[in-house]
């Protein structure tokens, strides 16, 4: 009776660095890598620049643990998600690591996790298929949302460009008011002020405003965000309007 040959790379659980070097097919350099003094995955880039995948895959495993995608334990003993475990004591089980790779990196088939016959079997696995389909659908929805947002931004930019051109055209085409037109506008303002501050024949005020200053205060309070309606400007225009109205002979 023949026994199945056991892959020497396979363990019940792995530290992230153990799994990463196997994932990168660097088992023959395992002793060299494990003897290196490193505290964080980014240190591996400086220690082993010839193997960039070593840092990348180690970071992917730690990231999956942090985000709840990959179950983990402390020195081989499973712990609840969110439990704080020192990085050098953190471990992941063979079966959990295999499941995580099948779902999130289906194109990756490292030999310490997958046998050649697994490829055919996993292709017809409904669990893997539905997980990948759900992830793809989520990415498609996110892409469609971003495309709609981009279209809205582009439309707003085009509208702003047209509005700026229209304002510029209006500014270039409009000439300064003639003296006759300006005199007419001042008379209208003066007449309006006098009417608002006047009283009826019975002595009843025609409005709640008792003075020109009260009108200025009310306008600046209600329209303080409109250019040209500052207290100083209003005082000047109202004074000019009153003078213009007084100069007009009454018929």
Protein backbone atom coordinates (compact mmCIF):
# COMPACT_ATOMS: atom_id res chain seq x y z
CA UNK A 1 0.00 0.00 0.00
CA UNK A 2 1.53 3.29 -1.12
CA UNK A 3 1.32 6.33 1.10
CA UNK A 4 0.78 9.86 -0.17
CA UNK A 5 3.97 11.92 -0.23
CA UNK A 6 3.85 14.83 2.23
CA UNK A 7 4.99 18.21 1.02
CA UNK A 8 7.82 19.29 3.37
CA UNK A 9 6.79 22.94 2.99
CA UNK A 10 3.37 22.29 4.49
CA UNK A 11 2.71 23.14 8.14
CA UNK A 12 -0.40 23.24 10.30
CA UNK A 13 0.13 26.96 10.83
CA UNK A 14 2.57 29.65 9.66
CA UNK A 15 3.92 32.95 10.79
CA UNK A 16 3.33 35.62 8.10
CA UNK A 17 7.00 35.54 7.10
CA UNK A 18 6.89 31.71 6.84
CA UNK A 19 3.86 31.87 4.56
CA UNK A 20 5.24 34.78 2.51
CA UNK A 21 8.55 33.10 1.68
CA UNK A 22 6.72 29.92 0.63
CA UNK A 23 4.28 32.00 -1.40
CA UNK A 24 7.32 33.55 -3.16
CA UNK A 25 8.87 30.10 -3.69
CA UNK A 26 11.89 31.07 -1.55
CA UNK A 27 11.98 27.99 0.68
CA UNK A 28 15.58 27.23 -0.25
CA UNK A 29 16.52 30.59 1.32
CA UNK A 30 14.33 30.10 4.40
CA UNK A 31 17.23 29.92 6.87
CA UNK A 32 18.80 33.10 5.52
CA UNK A 33 15.51 34.98 5.62
CA UNK A 34 14.47 33.83 9.10
CA UNK A 35 17.87 34.68 10.57
CA UNK A 36 17.62 38.28 9.38
CA UNK A 37 16.79 40.87 12.02
CA UNK A 38 13.57 42.65 11.04
CA UNK A 39 10.66 44.13 12.95
CA UNK A 40 8.30 45.35 10.22
CA UNK A 41 7.54 44.10 6.69
CA UNK A 42 9.04 47.23 5.16
CA UNK A 43 12.43 46.21 6.61
CA UNK A 44 12.46 43.26 4.22
CA UNK A 45 12.76 45.58 1.24
CA UNK A 46 16.13 46.81 2.49
CA UNK A 47 17.36 43.41 3.69
CA UNK A 48 16.34 41.50 0.56
CA UNK A 49 15.89 43.95 -2.32
CA UNK A 50 16.33 41.07 -4.75
CA UNK A 51 13.02 39.57 -3.57
CA UNK A 52 10.42 42.38 -3.57
CA UNK A 53 7.57 39.88 -3.40
CA UNK A 54 8.70 38.87 0.11
CA UNK A 55 7.77 42.26 1.57
CA UNK A 56 4.63 42.53 -0.59
CA UNK A 57 3.22 39.16 0.40
CA UNK A 58 4.06 39.63 4.08
CA UNK A 59 2.22 42.96 4.09
CA UNK A 60 -0.77 41.40 2.31
CA UNK A 61 -1.09 38.77 5.03
CA UNK A 62 -0.84 41.31 7.87
CA UNK A 63 -3.35 43.55 6.08
CA UNK A 64 -5.82 40.67 5.67
CA UNK A 65 -5.54 39.95 9.40
CA UNK A 66 -6.11 43.59 10.34
CA UNK A 67 -9.19 43.85 8.11
CA UNK A 68 -10.81 40.63 9.30
CA UNK A 69 -10.35 38.82 5.98
CA UNK A 70 -8.01 36.17 7.40
CA UNK A 71 -8.48 34.30 10.70
CA UNK A 72 -5.38 34.19 12.89
CA UNK A 73 -4.03 32.90 16.16
CA UNK A 74 -1.27 33.21 18.71
CA UNK A 75 1.47 30.63 18.20
CA UNK A 76 -0.97 28.26 16.53
CA UNK A 77 -3.90 28.76 18.91
CA UNK A 78 -6.87 30.52 17.23
CA UNK A 79 -8.02 33.78 18.84
CA UNK A 80 -11.17 35.91 18.25
CA UNK A 81 -10.95 38.57 15.56
CA UNK A 82 -9.69 41.85 17.01
CA UNK A 83 -7.51 40.22 19.65
CA UNK A 84 -4.17 41.98 20.00
CA UNK A 85 -1.32 39.59 19.20
CA UNK A 86 2.36 40.50 19.02
CA UNK A 87 3.55 40.37 15.38
CA UNK A 88 6.26 37.77 16.12
CA UNK A 89 3.68 35.49 17.78
CA UNK A 90 0.93 35.90 15.19
CA UNK A 91 0.15 32.79 13.13
CA UNK A 92 -2.35 31.74 10.46
CA UNK A 93 -3.65 28.23 9.90
CA UNK A 94 -2.92 26.37 6.68
CA UNK A 95 -6.61 25.89 5.90
CA UNK A 96 -7.50 29.54 6.60
CA UNK A 97 -4.61 30.79 4.48
CA UNK A 98 -5.63 28.53 1.62
CA UNK A 99 -9.25 29.70 1.78
CA UNK A 100 -8.20 33.38 1.88
CA UNK A 101 -5.95 33.01 -1.18
CA UNK A 102 -8.67 31.17 -3.12
CA UNK A 103 -11.13 34.01 -2.51
CA UNK A 104 -8.98 37.13 -2.76
CA UNK A 105 -6.14 35.97 -5.03
CA UNK A 106 -7.57 33.14 -7.13
CA UNK A 107 -4.79 33.48 -9.70
CA UNK A 108 -2.19 32.63 -7.04
CA UNK A 109 -1.66 28.86 -6.55
CA UNK A 110 1.47 28.39 -4.38
CA UNK A 111 2.43 24.73 -4.20
CA UNK A 112 2.56 24.60 -0.38
CA UNK A 113 -1.18 25.33 -0.29
CA UNK A 114 -2.54 23.88 -3.54
CA UNK A 115 -1.88 20.61 -5.29
CA UNK A 116 -2.24 20.34 -9.07
CA UNK A 117 -5.57 18.52 -8.74
CA UNK A 118 -6.93 21.40 -6.64
CA UNK A 119 -7.10 23.66 -9.65
CA UNK A 120 -9.79 21.60 -11.33
CA UNK A 121 -11.69 21.03 -8.10
CA UNK A 122 -11.65 24.70 -7.12
CA UNK A 123 -12.87 25.78 -10.53
CA UNK A 124 -16.20 24.11 -9.82
CA UNK A 125 -16.41 25.25 -6.20
CA UNK A 126 -19.65 27.21 -5.85
CA UNK A 127 -18.42 28.94 -2.70
CA UNK A 128 -15.37 30.38 -4.44
CA UNK A 129 -17.41 31.27 -7.52
CA UNK A 130 -20.08 33.18 -5.60
CA UNK A 131 -17.49 34.97 -3.46
CA UNK A 132 -15.60 36.14 -6.54
CA UNK A 133 -18.80 37.11 -8.30
CA UNK A 134 -19.95 39.18 -5.31
CA UNK A 135 -16.59 40.96 -5.16
CA UNK A 136 -16.71 41.63 -8.91
CA UNK A 137 -20.27 43.00 -8.70
CA UNK A 138 -19.26 45.31 -5.85
CA UNK A 139 -16.31 46.62 -7.88
CA UNK A 140 -18.55 47.18 -10.92
CA UNK A 141 -21.03 49.15 -8.82
CA UNK A 142 -18.24 51.24 -7.35
CA UNK A 143 -16.85 51.89 -10.84
CA UNK A 144 -20.28 52.96 -12.14
CA UNK A 145 -20.75 55.30 -9.17
CA UNK A 146 -17.34 56.91 -9.74
CA UNK A 147 -18.09 57.31 -13.45
CA UNK A 148 -21.37 59.10 -12.69
CA UNK A 149 -19.61 61.37 -10.20
CA UNK A 150 -16.94 62.14 -12.78
CA UNK A 151 -19.59 63.01 -15.36
CA UNK A 152 -21.30 65.36 -12.88
CA UNK A 153 -18.01 67.07 -12.09
CA UNK A 154 -17.22 67.48 -15.79
CA UNK A 155 -20.71 68.91 -16.42
CA UNK A 156 -20.29 71.39 -13.56
CA UNK A 157 -16.89 72.46 -14.87
CA UNK A 158 -18.34 73.02 -18.34
CA UNK A 159 -21.21 75.04 -16.86
CA UNK A 160 -18.80 77.17 -14.83
CA UNK A 161 -16.72 77.78 -17.94
CA UNK A 162 -19.77 78.92 -19.92
CA UNK A 163 -20.95 81.15 -17.07
CA UNK A 164 -17.53 82.76 -16.81
CA UNK A 165 -17.49 83.42 -20.56
CA UNK A 166 -21.00 84.89 -20.44
CA UNK A 167 -20.10 87.21 -17.58
CA UNK A 168 -16.94 88.29 -19.34
CA UNK A 169 -18.91 88.98 -22.52
CA UNK A 170 -21.51 90.99 -20.61
CA UNK A 171 -18.79 92.99 -18.87
CA UNK A 172 -17.13 93.78 -22.18
CA UNK A 173 -20.36 94.74 -23.96
CA UNK A 174 -21.96 96.89 -21.24
CA UNK A 175 -21.00 100.55 -21.26
CA UNK A 176 -21.11 102.99 -18.35
CA UNK A 177 -24.55 104.46 -17.58
CA UNK A 178 -25.24 107.78 -19.18
CA UNK A 179 -25.68 110.80 -16.93
CA UNK A 180 -29.38 110.90 -17.80
CA UNK A 181 -29.89 107.25 -16.81
CA UNK A 182 -27.91 107.64 -13.59
CA UNK A 183 -29.91 110.78 -12.70
CA UNK A 184 -33.16 108.87 -13.27
CA UNK A 185 -32.07 105.97 -11.06
CA UNK A 186 -31.05 108.36 -8.27
CA UNK A 187 -34.41 110.09 -8.46
CA UNK A 188 -36.19 106.77 -8.19
CA UNK A 189 -34.11 105.84 -5.12
CA UNK A 190 -34.74 109.26 -3.54
CA UNK A 191 -38.48 109.06 -4.18
CA UNK A 192 -38.60 105.56 -2.70
CA UNK A 193 -36.74 106.72 0.43
CA UNK A 194 -39.07 109.66 0.93
CA UNK A 195 -42.13 107.44 0.48
CA UNK A 196 -40.87 104.83 2.96
CA UNK A 197 -40.08 107.48 5.59
CA UNK A 198 -43.20 109.60 4.98
CA UNK A 199 -46.54 109.55 6.84
CA UNK A 200 -50.12 109.38 5.66
CA UNK A 201 -52.38 112.50 5.79
CA UNK A 202 -53.65 111.12 9.10
CA UNK A 203 -50.10 111.12 10.47
CA UNK A 204 -49.61 107.35 10.40
CA UNK A 205 -46.11 106.21 9.28
CA UNK A 206 -46.12 104.44 5.92
CA UNK A 207 -43.49 101.94 7.09
CA UNK A 208 -41.78 100.60 10.19
CA UNK A 209 -38.59 102.51 9.37
CA UNK A 210 -38.17 105.78 11.20
CA UNK A 211 -34.97 106.96 9.56
CA UNK A 212 -32.67 106.45 6.60
CA UNK A 213 -30.09 104.92 8.97
CA UNK A 214 -32.63 102.28 10.00
CA UNK A 215 -33.15 101.35 6.34
CA UNK A 216 -29.38 101.08 5.80
CA UNK A 217 -29.00 98.87 8.89
CA UNK A 218 -31.81 96.58 7.75
CA UNK A 219 -30.42 96.22 4.24
CA UNK A 220 -26.85 95.48 5.37
CA UNK A 221 -28.13 92.95 7.91
CA UNK A 222 -30.27 91.09 5.35
CA UNK A 223 -27.90 91.34 2.38
CA UNK A 224 -24.40 91.43 3.89
CA UNK A 225 -23.17 88.88 1.34
CA UNK A 226 -24.04 90.97 -1.72
CA UNK A 227 -21.19 93.10 -3.14
CA UNK A 228 -21.98 96.82 -3.34
CA UNK A 229 -24.46 96.87 -0.44
CA UNK A 230 -22.08 97.95 2.31
CA UNK A 231 -23.16 100.66 4.76
CA UNK A 232 -20.71 103.15 3.29
CA UNK A 233 -21.94 102.58 -0.28
CA UNK A 234 -25.61 102.78 0.72
CA UNK A 235 -25.07 105.99 2.67
CA UNK A 236 -23.32 107.56 -0.33
CA UNK A 237 -25.98 106.45 -2.83
CA UNK A 238 -28.89 107.51 -0.61
CA UNK A 239 -27.29 110.92 -0.03
CA UNK A 240 -26.80 111.37 -3.79
CA UNK A 241 -30.40 110.28 -4.39
CA UNK A 242 -31.73 112.83 -1.91
CA UNK A 243 -29.68 115.60 -3.50
CA UNK A 244 -30.86 114.61 -6.96
CA UNK A 245 -34.50 114.64 -5.87
CA UNK A 246 -34.18 118.07 -4.24
CA UNK A 247 -32.71 119.56 -7.44
CA UNK A 248 -35.69 118.41 -9.51
CA UNK A 249 -38.24 121.24 -9.83
CA UNK A 250 -41.75 120.28 -8.67
CA UNK A 251 -44.48 120.66 -11.25
